[in-house]
Amino acid sequence: MFDVLFIGSGQGAWNGAIPMSQAGLKVAVIEEGLFGGVCSNRGCNAKITLDKPVELMRNIEQLQGRGFDTVPQINWPDLMAHKHEVIGRLAASNEQKLVKANVQVIKGHATLTAEHTVLVDNTEYTAEKIVLALGQLPHRLDIPGQNYLHDSTDFMALTKMPQRLAIIGAGYVGMEFAAIANAAGSDVTVVLRGHQPLREFYQPYVERLIISLRNRGVKFLYDQTIDSVTEVADGFRLQGANQFALAADYIVDATGRLPHVDDSGLEVLKIATNKNGIEVDDHLQTNVPDIYATGDVVAKSQPKITPVAIFEAQYLAQLFTGQTTQPINYPSIATTVFTSPRISQVGVSPTVAAQSPLQYTVETFDYSEDWFRQVQNEADGSLTLVFDQEHILVGAVEYSNEAVDTINGLLEIIELRLTHEQVQRFIYTFPSLQHSYFRKV
């Protein structure tokens, strides 16, 4: 019936389905929820919409007495209404993109029944190739009172910001929500099972971020395990070992995300999975011929973020249309935690570089001495660069309000392995972030 059939409509699906269809393949996408997946409807887009006023607030705070006398406050109901205004139209828009590209849209829950067959609401669909773009689901603590816990989707639909917010977990979701809720006026407590927030990020900058959030009133409780949650007269009570107790009005379970590998028939075909997701080869093919996987459901060492899912979907489009037969070759991947300030990084970590001093050189630049950052009175920011033996930039991490833009610019230099002389050929706008950092490369 189809050349390619996608299960799921997220970034790992439609970014491949559309170019495949445009190249002449007969393509279908099956979706049982909102078109566009988590990122468009319940993740990145919603999060950054809620974060934008926070970013503006922090910039204005820095300029108190330097052009501003007061700091505006966030009107959470207004902001939430704006989020719905922005996000509410995306699912229909994503569906229409598929329709306009002649991709057949099939609505319902898909279950694999054979190597080339999928069942949706008692209707069978067959395809030469099937792509599993199943995504991830929030992990939920299995404890008494778990029904009182909320996930990221719930938080980003809050009609009223709670007075006391408890967040369990300090990964991307926990830390970003802590920054947003704190700026919106909530008394935020982050509870960690261990002692290392944001383990994937450069820890010296994570430590500076923790200090910044603490100075704003966010509390961090380390080495705590939540055993139960009970409802009390004035809210909820979290309890744990060694008589740990915490009162809260709202609790977010941000203990991670799990690959969505259940209820889709993977076990019927014995598709190989592990705790990190679906196992694939270097062509994104599973152990079952002609069944592939993309996006966050894939077990991989690369970050499970939207741009990686897009890259994988575009790779399959090239593979299925004969434009390439080569294995997927991941480029440099930038990752960011959208707190205030932000931490963004790409390439070789300074931590890894420090373990091989003969192979790498690490240089750090403090923005308190950068005149361009002084314009907005940004004193709490730094950039760390990693160079190889040829003094080619191979890694970078920044802690600042503008970290995303800096690292995005440096990513190109790293991926193309540009020399100092080549970078000096760029004449950037002055003043600008690019002009500020290019002399350091």
Protein backbone atom coordinates (compact mmCIF):
# COMPACT_ATOMS: atom_id res chain seq x y z
CA MET A 1 0.00 0.00 0.00
CA PHE A 2 2.88 2.36 0.82
CA ASP A 3 6.57 2.67 0.18
CA VAL A 4 7.14 4.08 3.68
CA LEU A 5 4.88 4.07 6.73
CA PHE A 6 5.73 6.13 9.80
CA ILE A 7 4.32 5.31 13.24
CA GLY A 8 4.32 8.64 15.03
CA SER A 9 4.26 12.16 13.63
CA GLY A 10 6.99 13.93 15.61
CA GLN A 11 10.14 15.57 14.33
CA GLY A 12 11.64 12.16 13.55
CA ALA A 13 8.72 11.46 11.20
CA TRP A 14 7.42 14.44 9.25
CA ASN A 15 10.89 15.82 8.49
CA GLY A 16 11.47 12.60 6.56
CA ALA A 17 7.96 11.88 5.33
CA ILE A 18 7.58 15.15 3.43
CA PRO A 19 10.83 15.00 1.39
CA MET A 20 10.18 11.30 0.68
CA SER A 21 6.74 12.13 -0.69
CA GLN A 22 8.11 15.04 -2.68
CA ALA A 23 10.65 12.65 -4.21
CA GLY A 24 7.84 10.41 -5.47
CA LEU A 25 7.47 7.80 -2.74
CA LYS A 26 4.03 6.84 -1.45
CA VAL A 27 4.16 7.74 2.25
CA ALA A 28 1.78 7.57 5.21
CA VAL A 29 2.01 8.79 8.81
CA ILE A 30 0.01 7.22 11.64
CA GLU A 31 -0.74 9.35 14.70
CA GLU A 32 -2.99 8.67 17.67
CA GLY A 33 -2.52 12.05 19.36
CA LEU A 34 -1.43 15.53 18.35
CA PHE A 35 0.48 15.88 15.10
CA GLY A 36 4.04 17.05 15.62
CA GLY A 37 4.77 14.96 18.70
CA VAL A 38 5.94 16.09 22.12
CA CYS A 39 8.26 18.89 21.01
CA SER A 40 5.66 20.87 19.09
CA ASN A 41 2.76 20.36 21.44
CA ARG A 42 3.97 19.55 24.95
CA GLY A 43 7.70 20.19 25.00
CA CYS A 44 10.26 22.55 23.50
CA ASN A 45 7.89 25.03 21.87
CA ALA A 46 5.66 25.39 24.93
CA LYS A 47 8.65 25.60 27.27
CA ILE A 48 10.40 28.37 25.34
CA THR A 49 7.15 30.34 25.09
CA LEU A 50 6.82 30.25 28.89
CA ASP A 51 10.51 31.09 29.30
CA LYS A 52 10.61 34.18 27.07
CA PRO A 53 9.31 36.61 29.73
CA VAL A 54 11.82 35.12 32.18
CA GLU A 55 14.64 35.90 29.77
CA LEU A 56 13.41 39.49 29.41
CA MET A 57 13.03 39.89 33.18
CA ARG A 58 16.63 38.83 33.80
CA ASN A 59 17.92 41.30 31.21
CA ILE A 60 15.97 44.11 32.84
CA GLU A 61 17.18 43.10 36.30
CA GLN A 62 20.76 43.53 35.16
CA LEU A 63 19.99 47.08 34.07
CA GLN A 64 18.41 48.28 37.31
CA GLY A 65 19.88 51.70 37.96
CA ARG A 66 21.31 51.66 34.45
CA GLY A 67 18.22 52.67 32.54
CA PHE A 68 15.45 50.82 34.37
CA ASP A 69 13.95 51.56 37.78
CA THR A 70 11.61 48.58 38.15
CA VAL A 71 11.35 44.97 37.03
CA PRO A 72 8.05 43.87 35.46
CA GLN A 73 6.31 40.88 37.00
CA ILE A 74 5.06 37.84 35.12
CA ASN A 75 1.30 37.55 34.79
CA TRP A 76 1.06 33.76 34.69
CA PRO A 77 -2.57 33.47 33.48
CA ASP A 78 -1.82 35.89 30.65
CA LEU A 79 1.37 34.03 29.80
CA MET A 80 -0.42 30.67 29.81
CA ALA A 81 -3.11 32.08 27.52
CA HIS A 82 -0.35 33.27 25.18
CA LYS A 83 1.23 29.81 25.26
CA HIS A 84 -2.08 28.22 24.24
CA GLU A 85 -2.41 30.84 21.51
CA VAL A 86 1.01 29.97 20.09
CA ILE A 87 0.97 26.20 20.63
CA GLY A 88 -2.70 25.47 20.07
CA ARG A 89 -2.50 25.88 16.31
CA LEU A 90 0.65 23.78 15.76
CA ALA A 91 -0.93 20.30 15.67
CA ALA A 92 -3.34 21.25 12.88
CA SER A 93 -0.56 23.07 11.06
CA ASN A 94 1.71 20.01 11.24
CA GLU A 95 -1.08 17.80 9.93
CA GLN A 96 -1.73 20.16 7.03
CA LYS A 97 1.97 20.16 6.10
CA LEU A 98 1.72 16.42 5.61
CA VAL A 99 -1.53 16.63 3.65
CA LYS A 100 -0.18 19.34 1.34
CA ALA A 101 2.86 17.18 0.65
CA ASN A 102 0.57 14.28 -0.39
CA VAL A 103 1.45 12.24 2.68
CA GLN A 104 -1.55 10.11 3.72
CA VAL A 105 -2.60 10.83 7.30
CA ILE A 106 -3.95 7.90 9.33
CA LYS A 107 -5.40 8.56 12.78
CA GLY A 108 -5.43 5.94 15.51
CA HIS A 109 -3.22 3.59 17.51
CA ALA A 110 -0.81 1.54 15.42
CA THR A 111 0.27 -2.01 16.25
CA LEU A 112 2.82 -4.02 14.29
CA THR A 113 1.40 -7.42 13.31
CA ALA A 114 3.96 -8.55 10.70
CA GLU A 115 7.20 -7.33 9.14
CA HIS A 116 5.36 -5.17 6.62
CA THR A 117 1.96 -4.83 8.27
CA VAL A 118 0.45 -2.41 10.79
CA LEU A 119 -3.02 -2.62 12.33
CA VAL A 120 -4.94 0.59 13.09
CA ASP A 121 -8.48 0.29 14.48
CA ASN A 122 -9.08 -3.09 12.79
CA THR A 123 -7.70 -1.87 9.46
CA GLU A 124 -4.46 -3.30 8.09
CA TYR A 125 -1.90 -1.17 6.26
CA THR A 126 1.14 -2.56 4.52
CA ALA A 127 4.40 -0.90 3.55
CA GLU A 128 7.76 -1.78 2.03
CA LYS A 129 9.46 0.05 4.90
CA ILE A 130 8.19 1.01 8.36
CA VAL A 131 9.74 3.74 10.52
CA LEU A 132 9.14 3.76 14.28
CA ALA A 133 9.07 7.35 15.52
CA LEU A 134 7.49 6.49 18.87
CA GLY A 135 9.24 9.03 21.08
CA GLN A 136 9.43 8.91 24.86
CA LEU A 137 7.07 9.07 27.84
CA PRO A 138 7.59 10.73 31.24
CA HIS A 139 8.98 8.41 33.91
CA ARG A 140 6.65 8.17 36.91
CA LEU A 141 7.76 7.33 40.43
CA ASP A 142 6.13 4.13 41.63
CA ILE A 143 5.33 5.22 45.19
CA PRO A 144 2.25 5.60 47.37
CA GLY A 145 0.55 8.85 46.39
CA GLN A 146 1.94 8.87 42.86
CA ASN A 147 -1.46 10.13 41.70
CA TYR A 148 -0.59 13.47 43.30
CA LEU A 149 2.45 13.88 41.05
CA HIS A 150 2.38 15.87 37.80
CA ASP A 151 4.48 15.58 34.67
CA SER A 152 5.88 18.20 32.29
CA THR A 153 2.67 18.33 30.24
CA ASP A 154 0.67 19.15 33.37
CA PHE A 155 3.07 21.90 34.47
CA MET A 156 2.99 23.61 31.09
CA ALA A 157 -0.81 23.79 31.29
CA LEU A 158 -1.02 25.25 34.81
CA THR A 159 -3.73 27.90 35.03
CA LYS A 160 -2.27 29.29 38.27
CA MET A 161 1.31 29.19 39.52
CA PRO A 162 1.40 27.37 42.89
CA GLN A 163 2.79 29.17 45.92
CA ARG A 164 5.00 26.20 46.90
CA LEU A 165 6.36 24.05 44.08
CA ALA A 166 8.36 20.85 44.59
CA ILE A 167 10.29 19.43 41.65
CA ILE A 168 11.66 15.90 41.89
CA GLY A 169 14.70 15.62 39.62
CA ALA A 170 17.32 18.04 38.28
CA GLY A 171 17.76 17.19 34.63
CA TYR A 172 16.68 19.41 31.71
CA VAL A 173 13.02 19.47 32.71
CA GLY A 174 13.49 19.97 36.44
CA MET A 175 16.02 22.78 36.12
CA GLU A 176 14.18 24.66 33.38
CA PHE A 177 10.89 24.49 35.26
CA ALA A 178 12.62 25.64 38.45
CA ALA A 179 13.91 28.76 36.68
CA ILE A 180 10.51 29.55 35.13
CA ALA A 181 8.48 28.97 38.30
CA ASN A 182 10.92 30.96 40.43
CA ALA A 183 10.67 33.93 38.09
CA ALA A 184 6.87 33.63 38.18
CA GLY A 185 6.89 33.99 41.96
CA SER A 186 6.70 30.41 43.22
CA ASP A 187 8.68 29.14 46.22
CA VAL A 188 10.61 26.37 44.45
CA THR A 189 12.35 23.35 45.98
CA VAL A 190 14.28 20.89 43.81
CA VAL A 191 14.72 17.43 45.32
CA LEU A 192 17.53 15.23 43.97
CA ARG A 193 18.12 11.55 44.50
CA GLY A 194 21.85 12.12 43.97
CA HIS A 195 24.21 15.05 44.22
CA GLN A 196 24.82 16.12 40.62
CA PRO A 197 22.27 18.22 38.71
CA LEU A 198 22.55 18.26 34.91
CA ARG A 199 25.09 15.45 34.76
CA GLU A 200 25.56 15.83 30.99
CA PHE A 201 26.73 19.43 31.29
CA TYR A 202 30.06 21.02 32.24
CA GLN A 203 29.91 20.88 36.01
CA PRO A 204 31.84 24.08 36.89
CA TYR A 205 29.14 26.02 35.02
CA VAL A 206 26.36 23.91 36.53
CA GLU A 207 27.68 24.84 39.97
CA ARG A 208 27.54 28.53 39.02
CA LEU A 209 23.97 28.08 37.81
CA ILE A 210 22.99 26.46 41.11
CA ILE A 211 24.49 29.40 43.02
CA SER A 212 22.56 31.84 40.81
CA LEU A 213 19.26 30.01 41.33
CA ARG A 214 19.87 29.72 45.05
CA ASN A 215 20.49 33.46 45.24
CA ARG A 216 17.07 33.90 43.66
CA GLY A 217 15.47 31.68 46.30
CA VAL A 218 15.41 28.21 44.72
CA LYS A 219 16.24 25.50 47.27
CA PHE A 220 18.13 22.32 46.38
CA LEU A 221 17.86 19.21 48.56
CA TYR A 222 20.46 16.57 47.69
CA ASP A 223 20.63 12.81 48.32
CA GLN A 224 16.93 12.45 49.07
CA THR A 225 14.66 9.59 48.03
CA ILE A 226 10.92 10.24 48.00
CA ASP A 227 9.06 7.25 49.46
CA SER A 228 5.51 8.59 49.50
CA VAL A 229 3.24 11.58 48.96
CA THR A 230 0.18 12.28 51.06
CA GLU A 231 -2.52 14.90 50.86
CA VAL A 232 -2.77 17.16 53.93
CA ALA A 233 -5.01 20.05 54.91
CA ASP A 234 -2.88 22.74 53.26
CA GLY A 235 -1.48 20.83 50.29
CA PHE A 236 0.77 17.79 50.01
CA ARG A 237 3.55 16.22 52.03
CA LEU A 238 6.55 14.47 50.49
CA GLN A 239 8.23 11.95 52.78
CA GLY A 240 11.45 9.99 52.53
CA ALA A 241 14.23 8.26 54.41
CA ASN A 242 15.78 9.68 57.59
CA GLN A 243 12.57 11.54 58.48
CA PHE A 244 12.70 13.67 55.34
CA ALA A 245 9.54 15.74 54.86
CA LEU A 246 8.61 18.59 52.53
CA ALA A 247 5.36 20.52 52.16
CA ALA A 248 4.18 21.63 48.73
CA ASP A 249 1.11 22.83 46.87
CA TYR A 250 2.10 21.19 43.58
CA ILE A 251 4.63 18.45 42.76
CA VAL A 252 6.36 17.85 39.43
CA ASP A 253 7.85 14.42 38.79
CA ALA A 254 10.84 15.28 36.59
CA THR A 255 12.72 12.03 37.15
CA GLY A 256 13.38 11.43 33.49
CA ARG A 257 11.82 10.05 30.32
CA LEU A 258 11.50 6.49 29.04
CA PRO A 259 11.45 5.18 25.45
CA HIS A 260 7.91 4.43 24.27
CA VAL A 261 8.39 0.79 23.33
CA ASP A 262 5.24 -0.77 24.78
CA ASP A 263 1.83 -1.32 23.15
CA SER A 264 3.06 -1.09 19.55
CA GLY A 265 3.73 -4.75 18.81
CA LEU A 266 7.52 -4.61 18.92
CA GLU A 267 7.57 -7.85 20.90
CA VAL A 268 5.54 -9.62 18.20
CA LEU A 269 8.36 -9.17 15.71
CA LYS A 270 11.05 -9.52 18.39
CA ILE A 271 12.43 -6.06 17.61
CA ALA A 272 15.50 -5.63 19.82
CA THR A 273 15.26 -3.06 22.60
CA ASN A 274 17.12 -2.19 25.79
CA LYS A 275 16.52 0.22 28.64
CA ASN A 276 17.51 3.14 26.39
CA GLY A 277 15.16 2.31 23.53
CA ILE A 278 15.10 0.52 20.18
CA GLU A 279 18.42 -0.84 19.00
CA VAL A 280 19.41 0.18 15.47
CA ASP A 281 22.43 -0.23 13.20
CA ASP A 282 24.39 2.56 11.51
CA HIS A 283 21.60 2.91 8.93
CA LEU A 284 18.94 3.30 11.66
CA GLN A 285 17.57 -0.15 10.81
CA THR A 286 16.37 -2.45 13.56
CA ASN A 287 17.22 -6.15 13.73
CA VAL A 288 14.11 -6.74 11.58
CA PRO A 289 14.74 -5.95 7.89
CA ASP A 290 12.91 -2.90 6.52
CA ILE A 291 11.88 -1.64 9.97
CA TYR A 292 13.72 1.50 11.07
CA ALA A 293 13.58 3.88 14.03
CA THR A 294 14.25 7.58 14.52
CA GLY A 295 14.18 10.16 17.30
CA ASP A 296 14.06 9.78 21.05
CA VAL A 297 12.91 6.14 21.00
CA VAL A 298 16.29 5.09 19.57
CA ALA A 299 18.94 3.68 21.92
CA LYS A 300 21.93 5.89 21.07
CA SER A 301 24.79 7.88 22.54
CA GLN A 302 23.71 11.08 20.79
CA PRO A 303 21.51 13.50 22.77
CA LYS A 304 17.79 12.77 22.51
CA ILE A 305 16.79 16.22 21.33
CA THR A 306 14.70 17.61 18.48
CA PRO A 307 17.52 18.57 16.07
CA VAL A 308 18.92 15.03 16.23
CA ALA A 309 15.51 13.54 15.40
CA ILE A 310 15.23 15.94 12.46
CA PHE A 311 18.70 14.96 11.22
CA GLU A 312 17.81 11.26 11.42
CA ALA A 313 14.54 11.72 9.53
CA GLN A 314 16.30 13.68 6.80
CA TYR A 315 18.96 10.98 6.59
CA LEU A 316 16.30 8.30 6.03
CA ALA A 317 14.78 10.46 3.30
CA GLN A 318 18.13 10.47 1.52
CA LEU A 319 18.62 6.74 2.15
CA PHE A 320 15.17 5.68 0.93
CA THR A 321 15.31 7.87 -2.19
CA GLY A 322 18.74 6.59 -3.23
CA GLN A 323 20.65 9.78 -2.54
CA THR A 324 23.00 7.89 -0.22
CA THR A 325 23.92 4.37 0.81
CA GLN A 326 26.36 5.49 3.49
CA PRO A 327 25.84 4.98 7.24
CA ILE A 328 24.46 7.92 9.17
CA ASN A 329 27.26 10.31 10.10
CA TYR A 330 26.23 12.54 13.00
CA PRO A 331 27.73 16.05 12.96
CA SER A 332 28.64 18.17 15.98
CA ILE A 333 25.56 18.48 18.19
CA ALA A 334 24.86 21.51 20.36
CA THR A 335 22.86 21.03 23.56
CA THR A 336 21.40 23.64 25.89
CA VAL A 337 19.62 23.83 29.21
CA PHE A 338 17.26 26.82 28.94
CA THR A 339 17.66 28.15 32.46
CA SER A 340 18.59 31.70 33.42
CA PRO A 341 21.48 32.00 32.67
CA ARG A 342 21.68 29.26 30.06
CA ILE A 343 24.37 26.61 29.63
CA SER A 344 25.09 25.58 26.06
CA GLN A 345 27.82 23.27 24.78
CA VAL A 346 29.13 21.47 21.71
CA GLY A 347 32.00 19.16 20.84
CA VAL A 348 34.75 17.98 23.16
CA SER A 349 33.97 18.78 26.79
CA PRO A 350 36.55 20.74 28.83
CA THR A 351 36.28 17.94 31.39
CA VAL A 352 37.36 15.34 28.81
CA ALA A 353 40.06 17.68 27.49
CA ALA A 354 41.52 18.17 30.96
CA GLN A 355 42.14 14.42 31.14
CA SER A 356 44.36 14.61 28.02
CA PRO A 357 46.47 17.78 28.43
CA LEU A 358 48.89 16.71 25.69
CA GLN A 359 46.07 16.41 23.19
CA TYR A 360 43.97 19.46 24.06
CA THR A 361 44.31 23.04 25.25
CA VAL A 362 41.54 24.66 27.29
CA GLU A 363 41.01 28.42 27.47
CA THR A 364 38.37 30.27 29.53
CA PHE A 365 37.17 33.84 29.04
CA ASP A 366 35.31 35.74 31.77
CA TYR A 367 32.59 38.02 30.47
CA SER A 368 32.97 40.45 33.36
CA GLU A 369 35.93 41.77 31.34
CA ASP A 370 34.12 41.84 27.98
CA TRP A 371 32.91 45.35 27.14
CA PHE A 372 30.10 44.06 24.94
CA ARG A 373 28.64 42.12 27.89
CA GLN A 374 29.16 45.14 30.11
CA VAL A 375 26.72 47.05 27.91
CA GLN A 376 23.92 44.97 29.42
CA ASN A 377 25.76 44.60 32.74
CA GLU A 378 26.12 40.84 32.39
CA ALA A 379 28.80 39.96 34.92
CA ASP A 380 27.94 36.29 35.54
CA GLY A 381 29.05 34.67 32.30
CA SER A 382 31.98 32.71 30.88
CA LEU A 383 33.08 30.95 27.71
CA THR A 384 35.40 27.91 27.72
CA LEU A 385 37.02 26.74 24.48
CA VAL A 386 38.81 23.47 23.71
CA PHE A 387 41.51 23.36 21.01
CA ASP A 388 43.35 20.35 19.59
CA GLN A 389 47.09 20.10 18.93
CA GLU A 390 46.71 22.04 15.67
CA HIS A 391 44.86 24.78 17.58
CA ILE A 392 41.63 23.92 15.78
CA LEU A 393 38.52 24.56 17.85
CA VAL A 394 36.95 21.20 18.79
CA GLY A 395 34.73 22.07 21.75
CA ALA A 396 32.99 24.96 23.47
CA VAL A 397 30.72 25.58 26.43
CA GLU A 398 29.20 28.86 27.57
CA TYR A 399 27.36 29.99 30.68
CA SER A 400 25.47 33.20 29.91
CA ASN A 401 22.15 34.68 28.84
CA GLU A 402 23.25 34.46 25.19
CA ALA A 403 24.89 31.03 25.36
CA VAL A 404 22.66 29.58 22.63
CA ASP A 405 23.71 32.14 20.01
CA THR A 406 27.39 31.86 20.89
CA ILE A 407 27.49 28.06 20.71
CA ASN A 408 25.42 27.96 17.51
CA GLY A 409 28.01 30.21 15.89
CA LEU A 410 30.96 28.23 17.20
CA LEU A 411 29.34 24.95 16.09
CA GLU A 412 29.92 25.88 12.46
CA ILE A 413 33.60 26.56 13.13
CA ILE A 414 33.96 23.23 14.94
CA GLU A 415 32.07 21.15 12.36
CA LEU A 416 34.03 22.62 9.43
CA ARG A 417 37.35 22.52 11.38
CA LEU A 418 38.16 26.09 10.40
CA THR A 419 41.60 27.42 11.20
CA HIS A 420 42.30 30.68 12.97
CA GLU A 421 43.26 32.23 9.62
CA GLN A 422 39.98 31.13 8.02
CA VAL A 423 37.91 32.49 10.90
CA GLN A 424 39.72 35.81 10.58
CA ARG A 425 38.26 36.07 7.07
CA PHE A 426 34.80 36.58 8.57
CA ILE A 427 33.82 40.22 8.89
CA TYR A 428 30.93 40.17 11.35
CA THR A 429 28.59 43.02 12.18
CA PHE A 430 29.98 45.23 14.92
CA PRO A 431 28.97 45.19 17.69
CA SER A 432 27.62 41.64 17.89
CA LEU A 433 28.14 38.39 19.73
CA GLN A 434 29.98 36.97 16.74
CA HIS A 435 32.42 39.86 16.64
CA SER A 436 32.91 39.44 20.36
CA TYR A 437 33.88 35.76 20.27
CA PHE A 438 35.54 35.24 16.88
CA ARG A 439 38.79 36.84 18.04
CA LYS A 440 39.07 34.17 20.73
CA VAL A 441 39.09 31.31 18.20
